[in-house]
Every structure is written in structure tokens, then in C-alpha cells.
N, C-alpha and C. Protein backbone atom coordinates (compact mmCIF):
# COMPACT_ATOMS: atom_id res chain seq x y z
N MET A 1 0.90 -1.16 -0.05
CA MET A 1 0.21 0.23 0.02
C MET A 1 1.06 1.09 0.04
N ARG A 2 0.44 2.45 -0.51
CA ARG A 2 1.12 3.58 0.09
C ARG A 2 1.77 3.91 1.09
N GLY A 3 2.48 4.55 1.04
CA GLY A 3 3.50 5.27 2.47
C GLY A 3 4.44 4.20 2.90
N SER A 4 4.57 4.30 4.21
CA SER A 4 5.63 3.94 5.05
C SER A 4 5.55 2.35 4.86
N VAL A 5 6.59 1.20 5.10
CA VAL A 5 6.55 0.17 5.24
C VAL A 5 6.49 -0.09 7.10
N CYS A 6 5.48 -0.64 7.40
CA CYS A 6 5.64 -0.87 9.00
C CYS A 6 5.96 -2.64 9.20
N LEU A 7 6.96 -2.95 9.65
CA LEU A 7 7.54 -4.02 9.84
C LEU A 7 7.32 -4.36 11.15
N TYR A 8 7.03 -5.22 11.93
CA TYR A 8 7.00 -5.33 13.44
C TYR A 8 8.50 -6.39 13.74
N GLN A 9 9.19 -5.97 14.52
CA GLN A 9 10.51 -6.67 14.80
C GLN A 9 10.18 -8.16 14.97
N GLY A 10 11.20 -8.75 14.09
CA GLY A 10 11.30 -10.28 14.21
C GLY A 10 10.42 -11.17 12.92
N GLU A 11 9.41 -10.06 12.14
CA GLU A 11 8.82 -10.04 11.18
C GLU A 11 9.46 -10.86 10.23
N GLU A 12 10.60 -9.88 9.81
CA GLU A 12 11.49 -10.47 8.59
C GLU A 12 12.38 -11.34 8.86
N LEU A 13 12.21 -12.19 10.23
CA LEU A 13 12.79 -13.52 10.40
C LEU A 13 11.91 -14.65 10.15
N GLY A 14 10.56 -14.29 10.26
CA GLY A 14 9.48 -15.58 10.30
C GLY A 14 9.35 -15.61 11.55
N LEU A 15 9.69 -14.96 12.88
CA LEU A 15 9.41 -15.37 14.04
C LEU A 15 7.61 -15.30 14.16
N LYS A 16 7.04 -16.20 15.20
CA LYS A 16 5.94 -16.41 15.57
C LYS A 16 6.11 -15.67 16.98
N GLU A 17 4.76 -15.38 17.17
CA GLU A 17 4.45 -14.96 18.53
C GLU A 17 4.82 -15.57 19.58
N ALA A 18 5.41 -15.34 20.52
CA ALA A 18 6.14 -16.53 21.79
C ALA A 18 4.96 -16.78 22.72
N GLU A 19 5.04 -17.81 23.41
CA GLU A 19 3.76 -18.35 24.14
C GLU A 19 4.84 -18.28 25.82
N LEU A 20 4.45 -17.20 26.54
CA LEU A 20 5.32 -17.09 27.59
C LEU A 20 4.26 -17.26 28.63
N SER A 21 4.94 -17.60 29.72
CA SER A 21 4.18 -17.87 31.14
C SER A 21 3.79 -16.76 31.78
N PHE A 22 2.80 -16.94 32.48
CA PHE A 22 2.34 -15.65 33.16
C PHE A 22 3.60 -15.04 33.76
N SER A 23 4.25 -15.81 34.64
CA SER A 23 5.68 -15.27 35.12
C SER A 23 6.30 -14.42 34.43
N ASP A 24 6.32 -14.60 33.30
CA ASP A 24 7.22 -13.63 32.44
C ASP A 24 6.76 -12.32 32.22
N LEU A 25 5.38 -12.25 32.11
CA LEU A 25 4.90 -11.17 31.71
C LEU A 25 5.41 -9.87 32.39
N VAL A 26 5.08 -8.56 31.66
CA VAL A 26 5.51 -7.46 31.99
C VAL A 26 4.32 -6.42 31.35
N ASP A 27 3.57 -6.86 30.49
CA ASP A 27 2.60 -5.65 29.85
C ASP A 27 1.62 -6.05 31.09
N PRO A 28 1.32 -4.67 31.29
CA PRO A 28 -0.06 -4.73 32.18
C PRO A 28 -1.25 -5.04 31.89
N TYR A 29 -1.44 -5.02 31.01
CA TYR A 29 -2.76 -5.40 29.97
C TYR A 29 -2.57 -6.86 30.23
N GLY A 30 -1.41 -7.74 29.95
CA GLY A 30 -1.49 -9.11 29.65
C GLY A 30 -1.65 -10.00 31.06
N ILE A 31 -1.02 -9.06 31.88
CA ILE A 31 -1.29 -9.67 33.46
C ILE A 31 -2.48 -9.17 34.09
N GLU A 32 -3.34 -8.25 33.80
CA GLU A 32 -4.37 -8.22 34.21
C GLU A 32 -5.93 -8.97 33.68
N PHE A 33 -5.45 -9.23 32.18
CA PHE A 33 -6.63 -9.91 31.80
C PHE A 33 -6.14 -11.25 31.50
N TRP A 34 -4.77 -12.05 31.69
CA TRP A 34 -4.76 -13.25 31.31
C TRP A 34 -5.93 -14.36 32.08
N PRO A 35 -6.15 -15.08 31.43
CA PRO A 35 -5.25 -15.75 30.45
C PRO A 35 -6.23 -15.75 29.00
N GLU A 36 -7.37 -14.86 29.38
CA GLU A 36 -8.15 -14.55 28.22
C GLU A 36 -7.34 -13.63 27.12
N PHE A 37 -6.41 -12.59 27.75
CA PHE A 37 -6.08 -11.93 26.82
C PHE A 37 -4.55 -11.74 27.14
N LYS A 38 -3.41 -12.40 26.30
CA LYS A 38 -2.32 -12.50 26.83
C LYS A 38 -1.41 -11.03 26.88
N GLY A 39 -1.80 -10.34 26.32
CA GLY A 39 -1.12 -9.13 26.14
C GLY A 39 0.00 -9.15 24.96
N ARG A 40 0.45 -8.35 24.87
CA ARG A 40 1.72 -7.78 23.68
C ARG A 40 3.07 -8.59 24.16
N ASP A 41 3.51 -9.03 25.00
CA ASP A 41 4.66 -9.62 25.51
C ASP A 41 5.27 -10.77 24.60
N GLY A 42 4.12 -11.31 23.98
CA GLY A 42 4.65 -12.49 22.91
C GLY A 42 5.40 -12.11 21.68
N CYS A 43 4.88 -10.36 21.38
CA CYS A 43 5.80 -10.09 20.06
C CYS A 43 6.40 -9.21 20.28
N ARG A 44 6.94 -9.23 21.42
CA ARG A 44 8.16 -8.28 22.02
C ARG A 44 9.19 -8.57 22.72
N THR A 45 9.36 -9.93 22.53
CA THR A 45 10.49 -10.68 22.95
C THR A 45 11.92 -9.86 22.32
N PRO A 46 13.15 -10.47 22.73
CA PRO A 46 14.41 -9.68 21.85
C PRO A 46 14.43 -10.45 20.72
N MET A 47 14.88 -9.42 20.20
CA MET A 47 15.48 -10.00 18.81
C MET A 47 16.63 -10.47 18.95
N VAL A 48 16.62 -11.64 17.87
CA VAL A 48 17.55 -12.85 18.07
C VAL A 48 18.73 -12.74 16.88
N TRP A 49 19.72 -12.07 17.17
CA TRP A 49 20.71 -12.20 16.45
C TRP A 49 21.92 -13.09 15.95
N GLN A 50 22.17 -14.14 16.92
CA GLN A 50 22.96 -14.92 16.84
C GLN A 50 22.11 -16.38 17.39
N SER A 51 22.12 -17.48 16.68
CA SER A 51 21.65 -18.50 17.21
C SER A 51 21.96 -19.42 18.58
N HIS A 52 23.70 -19.11 18.48
CA HIS A 52 24.14 -19.88 19.59
C HIS A 52 24.67 -19.19 20.69
N ALA A 53 24.06 -17.93 20.66
CA ALA A 53 24.75 -16.97 21.52
C ALA A 53 23.66 -16.80 22.93
N THR A 54 24.14 -16.71 23.73
CA THR A 54 23.45 -16.29 25.18
C THR A 54 22.53 -15.20 24.78
N ASN A 55 20.96 -15.29 24.99
CA ASN A 55 20.20 -14.35 24.82
C ASN A 55 20.05 -13.99 23.22
N GLY A 56 20.47 -15.13 22.62
CA GLY A 56 20.50 -14.76 20.82
C GLY A 56 21.15 -13.57 20.30
N ALA A 57 22.16 -12.99 21.36
CA ALA A 57 23.20 -11.96 21.22
C ALA A 57 22.71 -10.80 21.37
N PHE A 58 21.28 -10.63 21.83
CA PHE A 58 20.54 -9.61 22.27
C PHE A 58 21.20 -8.67 23.31
N SER A 59 21.70 -9.35 24.24
CA SER A 59 21.95 -8.59 25.26
C SER A 59 22.83 -9.90 26.40
N THR A 60 23.80 -9.00 27.09
CA THR A 60 24.79 -10.19 27.73
C THR A 60 24.51 -10.37 29.27
N ALA A 61 23.38 -9.78 29.85
CA ALA A 61 22.77 -9.77 30.88
C ALA A 61 22.04 -11.15 31.15
N ASN A 62 22.33 -11.68 32.20
CA ASN A 62 21.95 -12.92 32.91
C ASN A 62 20.68 -13.26 32.50
N ARG A 63 19.65 -12.10 32.44
CA ARG A 63 17.95 -12.64 32.14
C ARG A 63 17.95 -11.14 31.60
N THR A 64 17.02 -11.18 30.47
CA THR A 64 16.41 -9.90 29.52
C THR A 64 15.07 -9.82 30.00
N TRP A 65 14.65 -8.69 29.63
CA TRP A 65 13.16 -8.18 30.29
C TRP A 65 12.21 -9.19 29.86
N LEU A 66 12.21 -9.61 28.81
CA LEU A 66 11.24 -10.94 28.49
C LEU A 66 12.28 -12.34 28.02
N PRO A 67 11.91 -13.59 28.26
CA PRO A 67 12.70 -14.37 27.72
C PRO A 67 13.10 -14.57 26.19
N VAL A 68 14.08 -15.31 25.65
CA VAL A 68 14.60 -15.44 24.41
C VAL A 68 13.88 -16.84 24.35
N PRO A 69 12.96 -16.98 23.31
CA PRO A 69 12.26 -18.65 23.30
C PRO A 69 13.20 -19.01 22.12
N ALA A 70 13.35 -20.37 23.02
CA ALA A 70 14.39 -21.39 21.89
C ALA A 70 13.85 -21.20 20.58
N GLU A 71 12.62 -21.33 20.31
CA GLU A 71 12.21 -21.82 18.76
C GLU A 71 12.46 -20.25 18.05
N HIS A 72 12.82 -19.14 18.50
CA HIS A 72 13.15 -18.27 17.91
C HIS A 72 14.82 -17.89 17.31
N LEU A 73 15.38 -18.78 18.30
CA LEU A 73 16.65 -19.07 17.85
C LEU A 73 17.05 -19.87 16.96
N THR A 74 16.22 -20.75 16.30
CA THR A 74 16.72 -21.11 14.91
C THR A 74 16.38 -20.33 14.10
N HIS A 75 15.85 -19.08 14.16
CA HIS A 75 15.47 -18.22 13.08
C HIS A 75 16.44 -17.09 12.95
N ALA A 76 17.71 -16.92 14.02
CA ALA A 76 18.20 -15.86 13.99
C ALA A 76 18.78 -15.21 12.80
N VAL A 77 19.48 -14.07 13.00
CA VAL A 77 19.63 -13.37 11.72
C VAL A 77 20.68 -14.24 11.20
N ASP A 78 22.09 -14.60 11.89
CA ASP A 78 22.93 -15.41 11.58
C ASP A 78 22.80 -16.93 10.83
N THR A 79 21.21 -16.95 11.05
CA THR A 79 21.16 -18.35 10.19
C THR A 79 20.33 -18.20 8.83
N GLN A 80 20.37 -16.65 8.73
CA GLN A 80 19.38 -16.33 7.28
C GLN A 80 19.89 -15.73 6.72
N ASP A 81 21.13 -14.78 7.10
CA ASP A 81 22.09 -13.89 6.25
C ASP A 81 22.63 -14.38 5.23
N ASN A 82 22.13 -14.33 3.90
CA ASN A 82 22.92 -14.55 2.74
C ASN A 82 22.51 -15.80 2.41
N VAL A 83 21.47 -16.48 2.98
CA VAL A 83 20.81 -17.81 2.84
C VAL A 83 19.69 -17.60 1.62
N ASP A 84 19.96 -18.34 0.38
CA ASP A 84 18.70 -17.88 -0.72
C ASP A 84 17.66 -18.94 -0.18
N GLY A 85 16.35 -18.21 -0.13
CA GLY A 85 15.11 -18.70 0.22
C GLY A 85 14.76 -18.52 1.27
N SER A 86 15.77 -17.55 2.17
CA SER A 86 15.50 -17.52 3.90
C SER A 86 14.53 -16.45 4.06
N VAL A 87 13.68 -16.03 4.70
CA VAL A 87 12.49 -15.69 5.40
C VAL A 87 13.29 -13.82 5.13
N LEU A 88 14.62 -13.63 5.69
CA LEU A 88 15.30 -12.47 5.94
C LEU A 88 15.63 -12.22 4.57
N GLU A 89 16.01 -12.56 3.23
CA GLU A 89 16.63 -12.48 2.13
C GLU A 89 15.41 -12.34 1.29
N PHE A 90 14.35 -12.80 1.81
CA PHE A 90 12.91 -12.47 0.97
C PHE A 90 12.57 -11.03 1.58
N TYR A 91 12.73 -10.78 2.39
CA TYR A 91 12.29 -9.29 2.89
C TYR A 91 13.05 -8.28 2.52
N ARG A 92 14.48 -8.83 2.61
CA ARG A 92 15.47 -7.63 1.77
C ARG A 92 15.47 -7.29 0.68
N SER A 93 15.05 -8.42 -0.22
CA SER A 93 14.73 -8.10 -1.82
C SER A 93 13.56 -7.63 -2.07
N MET A 94 12.17 -7.95 -1.67
CA MET A 94 11.14 -7.23 -1.42
C MET A 94 11.22 -5.65 -1.23
N LEU A 95 11.90 -5.21 -0.12
CA LEU A 95 12.47 -4.05 0.18
C LEU A 95 13.13 -3.35 -0.61
N ALA A 96 14.45 -3.99 -1.08
CA ALA A 96 14.90 -3.44 -2.11
C ALA A 96 14.04 -2.95 -3.80
N PHE A 97 13.08 -4.02 -4.19
CA PHE A 97 12.38 -3.97 -5.12
C PHE A 97 11.15 -2.94 -5.31
N ARG A 98 10.73 -2.37 -3.60
CA ARG A 98 10.04 -1.73 -3.42
C ARG A 98 10.71 -0.21 -3.45
N ARG A 99 11.94 -0.12 -3.20
CA ARG A 99 12.75 0.89 -3.20
C ARG A 99 13.12 1.61 -4.57
N ALA A 100 13.47 0.47 -5.66
CA ALA A 100 13.51 0.39 -6.97
C ALA A 100 12.46 0.99 -7.63
N HIS A 101 11.50 0.72 -7.56
CA HIS A 101 9.83 1.03 -7.84
C HIS A 101 8.92 2.08 -6.99
N PRO A 102 9.37 3.77 -7.37
CA PRO A 102 9.06 4.46 -6.93
C PRO A 102 7.06 4.50 -6.68
N ALA A 103 6.76 4.43 -7.87
CA ALA A 103 5.41 3.59 -8.02
C ALA A 103 4.63 3.00 -6.97
N LEU A 104 5.11 2.29 -6.35
CA LEU A 104 4.73 1.41 -5.09
C LEU A 104 4.81 2.08 -3.61
N ALA A 105 5.76 3.23 -3.63
CA ALA A 105 5.57 3.72 -2.34
C ALA A 105 4.94 5.33 -2.56
N LYS A 106 4.59 5.48 -3.50
CA LYS A 106 3.88 7.32 -3.85
C LYS A 106 3.01 7.26 -4.82
N GLY A 107 2.75 5.84 -5.47
CA GLY A 107 1.70 6.21 -7.06
C GLY A 107 0.38 5.89 -6.43
N SER A 108 -0.20 6.29 -7.22
CA SER A 108 -1.91 6.37 -6.91
C SER A 108 -2.02 4.89 -7.32
N ILE A 109 -3.20 4.47 -6.69
CA ILE A 109 -3.49 3.20 -6.75
C ILE A 109 -5.08 2.79 -7.21
N ARG A 110 -5.47 2.16 -8.25
CA ARG A 110 -6.70 1.86 -8.65
C ARG A 110 -6.91 0.22 -8.71
N LEU A 111 -8.00 0.04 -7.87
CA LEU A 111 -8.49 -1.52 -7.90
C LEU A 111 -9.00 -1.58 -9.02
N LEU A 112 -8.76 -2.78 -9.33
CA LEU A 112 -9.59 -3.62 -10.65
C LEU A 112 -10.66 -5.12 -10.46
N ASP A 113 -11.71 -4.54 -10.74
CA ASP A 113 -12.72 -5.73 -10.41
C ASP A 113 -12.07 -6.91 -10.74
N THR A 114 -12.22 -7.72 -9.69
CA THR A 114 -11.82 -9.35 -9.84
C THR A 114 -12.70 -10.32 -9.27
N PRO A 115 -12.20 -11.49 -9.82
CA PRO A 115 -13.23 -12.59 -8.98
C PRO A 115 -13.03 -12.95 -7.08
N ALA A 116 -14.01 -13.57 -6.63
CA ALA A 116 -13.52 -13.51 -5.32
C ALA A 116 -12.42 -14.36 -5.01
N ASN A 117 -11.66 -13.42 -3.76
CA ASN A 117 -10.26 -14.13 -3.29
C ASN A 117 -9.15 -13.73 -3.87
N ILE A 118 -9.79 -12.62 -5.10
CA ILE A 118 -8.42 -12.08 -5.82
C ILE A 118 -8.41 -10.70 -5.77
N LEU A 119 -7.23 -9.86 -5.30
CA LEU A 119 -7.04 -8.64 -5.06
C LEU A 119 -6.20 -8.43 -6.51
N ALA A 120 -6.63 -7.13 -7.20
CA ALA A 120 -5.96 -6.59 -8.17
C ALA A 120 -5.63 -5.18 -8.14
N PHE A 121 -4.67 -4.71 -8.42
CA PHE A 121 -4.57 -2.88 -8.53
C PHE A 121 -3.53 -2.73 -9.22
N ILE A 122 -3.29 -1.58 -9.74
CA ILE A 122 -2.33 -0.42 -10.53
C ILE A 122 -2.19 0.43 -9.71
N ARG A 123 -0.53 0.43 -10.08
CA ARG A 123 0.26 1.49 -9.12
C ARG A 123 0.75 2.21 -10.13
N ASP A 124 0.61 3.31 -10.36
CA ASP A 124 0.88 4.46 -11.19
C ASP A 124 1.51 5.53 -10.50
N ASP A 125 2.73 6.24 -10.92
CA ASP A 125 3.43 7.35 -10.08
C ASP A 125 3.70 8.72 -11.46
N GLY A 126 2.86 8.04 -12.54
CA GLY A 126 3.09 8.69 -13.84
C GLY A 126 4.54 8.76 -14.79
N THR A 127 5.60 8.24 -13.79
CA THR A 127 6.41 7.51 -14.76
C THR A 127 6.53 5.85 -15.06
N GLN A 128 5.98 5.33 -14.09
CA GLN A 128 5.72 3.91 -14.00
C GLN A 128 4.64 3.30 -13.81
N ARG A 129 3.79 2.46 -14.00
CA ARG A 129 2.68 1.69 -14.00
C ARG A 129 3.16 0.07 -13.47
N LEU A 130 2.42 -0.54 -11.94
CA LEU A 130 2.83 -1.67 -11.70
C LEU A 130 1.69 -1.91 -11.62
N LEU A 131 1.24 -3.42 -12.36
CA LEU A 131 -0.03 -4.66 -11.97
C LEU A 131 0.49 -5.40 -11.04
N CYS A 132 -0.02 -5.34 -9.84
CA CYS A 132 -0.22 -6.16 -8.64
C CYS A 132 -1.28 -7.11 -8.71
N VAL A 133 -1.51 -8.29 -8.74
CA VAL A 133 -2.54 -9.48 -8.45
C VAL A 133 -2.13 -10.06 -7.45
N PHE A 134 -3.10 -10.51 -6.47
CA PHE A 134 -2.64 -11.53 -5.32
C PHE A 134 -3.81 -12.71 -5.08
N ASN A 135 -3.70 -13.82 -5.03
CA ASN A 135 -4.73 -14.81 -5.06
C ASN A 135 -4.83 -14.80 -2.94
N MET A 136 -5.81 -14.29 -2.48
CA MET A 136 -5.62 -14.27 -1.17
C MET A 136 -6.26 -15.61 -0.47
N GLY A 137 -6.34 -16.48 -1.60
CA GLY A 137 -7.23 -17.82 -0.96
C GLY A 137 -6.51 -18.90 -0.71
N GLU A 138 -7.34 -20.07 -0.32
CA GLU A 138 -6.58 -21.14 0.35
C GLU A 138 -6.46 -22.07 -1.12
N SER A 139 -7.07 -21.87 -2.34
CA SER A 139 -6.91 -22.74 -3.33
C SER A 139 -6.46 -21.93 -4.62
N ALA A 140 -5.85 -22.69 -5.42
CA ALA A 140 -5.63 -21.96 -6.85
C ALA A 140 -6.78 -20.98 -7.46
N ALA A 141 -6.31 -20.29 -8.21
CA ALA A 141 -7.41 -18.95 -8.88
C ALA A 141 -6.66 -18.45 -10.14
N GLU A 142 -7.47 -18.36 -11.16
CA GLU A 142 -7.54 -17.81 -12.50
C GLU A 142 -8.09 -16.32 -12.60
N TYR A 143 -6.96 -15.59 -13.05
CA TYR A 143 -7.38 -14.07 -13.10
C TYR A 143 -7.26 -13.25 -14.77
N LYS A 144 -8.31 -13.47 -15.18
CA LYS A 144 -8.10 -12.87 -16.66
C LYS A 144 -7.73 -11.51 -16.45
N LEU A 145 -6.51 -11.07 -17.36
CA LEU A 145 -6.26 -9.86 -17.71
C LEU A 145 -7.16 -9.00 -18.12
N PRO A 146 -7.44 -7.64 -18.14
CA PRO A 146 -8.55 -6.62 -18.65
C PRO A 146 -7.24 -6.75 -20.06
N ALA A 147 -7.96 -6.56 -21.45
CA ALA A 147 -7.46 -6.48 -22.55
C ALA A 147 -6.80 -5.50 -22.79
N GLU A 148 -6.77 -4.29 -21.77
CA GLU A 148 -5.65 -3.03 -22.03
C GLU A 148 -4.68 -3.47 -21.04
N LEU A 149 -4.14 -4.22 -20.46
CA LEU A 149 -3.33 -4.56 -19.73
C LEU A 149 -2.16 -5.53 -20.32
N LEU A 150 -0.91 -5.26 -21.04
CA LEU A 150 -0.25 -6.30 -21.18
C LEU A 150 1.09 -6.20 -20.59
N PRO A 151 1.18 -6.67 -19.52
CA PRO A 151 2.26 -6.42 -18.41
C PRO A 151 3.53 -7.93 -18.71
N HIS A 152 4.68 -7.02 -18.48
CA HIS A 152 6.09 -7.74 -18.63
C HIS A 152 6.87 -8.03 -17.33
N ASP A 153 7.26 -8.97 -17.24
CA ASP A 153 7.99 -9.41 -15.86
C ASP A 153 8.78 -7.71 -14.79
N ALA A 154 8.47 -7.99 -13.85
CA ALA A 154 9.12 -6.74 -13.23
C ALA A 154 10.55 -7.02 -12.43
N GLY A 155 10.71 -8.50 -12.38
CA GLY A 155 11.73 -8.78 -11.54
C GLY A 155 11.34 -9.14 -10.10
N CYS A 156 9.94 -9.20 -9.61
CA CYS A 156 9.68 -8.69 -8.30
C CYS A 156 10.37 -10.17 -7.50
N PRO A 157 10.50 -10.36 -6.74
CA PRO A 157 11.15 -11.39 -5.64
C PRO A 157 9.55 -12.21 -5.47
N GLY A 158 9.89 -13.16 -5.22
CA GLY A 158 8.48 -14.42 -4.63
C GLY A 158 7.44 -14.45 -5.37
N VAL A 159 7.05 -13.95 -6.69
CA VAL A 159 6.22 -13.89 -7.39
C VAL A 159 6.06 -15.20 -8.07
N THR A 160 4.99 -15.90 -8.14
CA THR A 160 4.62 -17.33 -8.16
C THR A 160 4.00 -17.53 -9.67
N ALA A 161 3.37 -16.52 -10.40
CA ALA A 161 2.50 -16.82 -11.45
C ALA A 161 3.46 -15.78 -12.50
N ALA A 162 3.04 -16.02 -14.10
CA ALA A 162 3.38 -15.32 -15.14
C ALA A 162 2.37 -15.20 -16.31
N PRO A 163 1.89 -14.48 -17.09
CA PRO A 163 0.71 -14.15 -17.90
C PRO A 163 0.84 -15.23 -18.82
N ILE A 164 -0.44 -16.02 -19.34
CA ILE A 164 -0.07 -16.81 -20.42
C ILE A 164 -1.26 -16.64 -21.03
N ASP A 165 -1.32 -16.22 -22.13
CA ASP A 165 -2.57 -15.80 -23.19
C ASP A 165 -3.48 -14.77 -22.47
N GLY A 166 -2.67 -13.87 -21.66
CA GLY A 166 -3.59 -12.97 -20.92
C GLY A 166 -4.42 -13.37 -19.73
N GLU A 167 -4.05 -14.76 -19.27
CA GLU A 167 -4.61 -15.09 -17.90
C GLU A 167 -3.43 -15.52 -17.25
N LEU A 168 -3.57 -15.22 -15.54
CA LEU A 168 -2.97 -15.78 -14.77
C LEU A 168 -3.40 -16.82 -14.15
N ASP A 169 -2.58 -17.94 -13.77
CA ASP A 169 -3.02 -19.00 -13.05
C ASP A 169 -2.12 -18.96 -11.58
N LEU A 170 -2.78 -18.40 -10.64
CA LEU A 170 -2.26 -18.31 -9.37
C LEU A 170 -2.66 -19.44 -8.02
N GLU A 171 -1.36 -19.99 -8.00
CA GLU A 171 -1.43 -20.96 -6.75
C GLU A 171 -1.98 -20.15 -5.44
N PRO A 172 -2.42 -21.14 -4.23
CA PRO A 172 -3.01 -20.58 -2.89
C PRO A 172 -2.16 -19.49 -2.68
N PHE A 173 -2.48 -18.28 -2.40
CA PHE A 173 -1.68 -17.22 -1.71
C PHE A 173 -0.42 -16.73 -2.51
N GLY A 174 -0.65 -17.07 -4.13
CA GLY A 174 0.07 -16.67 -5.19
C GLY A 174 0.14 -15.50 -5.41
N SER A 175 1.08 -14.81 -6.07
CA SER A 175 1.18 -13.39 -6.46
C SER A 175 1.78 -13.33 -7.74
N TYR A 176 1.68 -11.90 -8.22
CA TYR A 176 1.92 -11.34 -9.86
C TYR A 176 2.43 -9.98 -9.75
N VAL A 177 3.51 -9.30 -9.88
CA VAL A 177 3.62 -8.16 -10.07
C VAL A 177 4.36 -7.67 -11.46
N GLY A 178 3.81 -6.92 -12.40
CA GLY A 178 4.57 -6.71 -13.72
C GLY A 178 4.16 -5.21 -13.73
N LEU A 179 5.26 -5.07 -15.15
CA LEU A 179 5.26 -3.62 -15.37
C LEU A 179 4.31 -3.29 -16.59
N LEU A 180 3.57 -2.36 -16.53
CA LEU A 180 2.50 -1.78 -17.58
C LEU A 180 3.23 -0.82 -18.85
């Protein structure tokens, strides 16, 4: 979407929300409404930089303000840095792609008519137009491109479809980004 990208810490590593025990909580809302509402602490655990370092190399303290979950250590930066196909490298390549295409940050957006579970729009900044199509569903879907749209590959990382005879065959949660 337009504007700034907002990433939650650890999202770029593929970290899931941590399951914390009540005794580990520091969030007043989580403490007050436990266990129905566990608060925000599960998504505010320390960043894991090194998989084999104490506290994931976040801190040299004996105990961090929230615990570092063992399952997060397997996704630490050092296990994903420069590793093809890692979540971290995917995020880096997507952010670089977005920087290289100003229409994605500041361009207008025009939503296109689509069948159920398909989201399609054009981003246009006056110098560049991109067609973005996403299958938001759990099953494969087809999207027939409007006749006036003849996209070509934009080199977007993670794209899972290519137009064939004016149609996109999108796998579940698949995507396509092309230059117009």
C-alpha cells in the first residue's frame, strides 16, 4: 500500500508470537486480563541475532526483560543472512524491489474488478505503472487480465505466476507483479 512500510520486529525473520508463562509477563494488560488476553509481550521478545549466543546476542545480561524463546533462536539473523530462500533475504529483496519502483511507495492506486479471493490493482506514479495481483485464497485461482493490460516481468521476488495468453494461474496465496 502507499506510504511507509511498517514491520514488526522479528517479522523479517519469520518469528511467531512467543508463548510466555504468566510469570514472564511485563505488559500490564496481559497481567490484568490473563489468560483470556495474553497481552503484547509475546510479540515483543528480544531480537535474535545469533543462534548459539546467550540471549540470541541481544544482551549479555543474565536475564532479559522478556525471555528469548528457544524456537526463535533457530530463526536468528545469523542462520538466515545471505541464505537463498530465507525469510530475511526475501524481506531484503522485497524492500529493495519497492525502493527501485517509486510507484509502489508514492503512486496512485486503482483497484481492478476481480473474482472472489483475488486482489488486483495498478500503482502509477506518472513515470511507471505496475500491475499487482494477489490470490488471497487457500485454493488456486485464475485471473483474466483486462484487455488493455499487457504486463511484462518486473523482476519482483517471490512472484509465483506469469501471464499466459492474457491469464494468470495463481497458486494459493500466489502473486504477480508486472510492469505496464
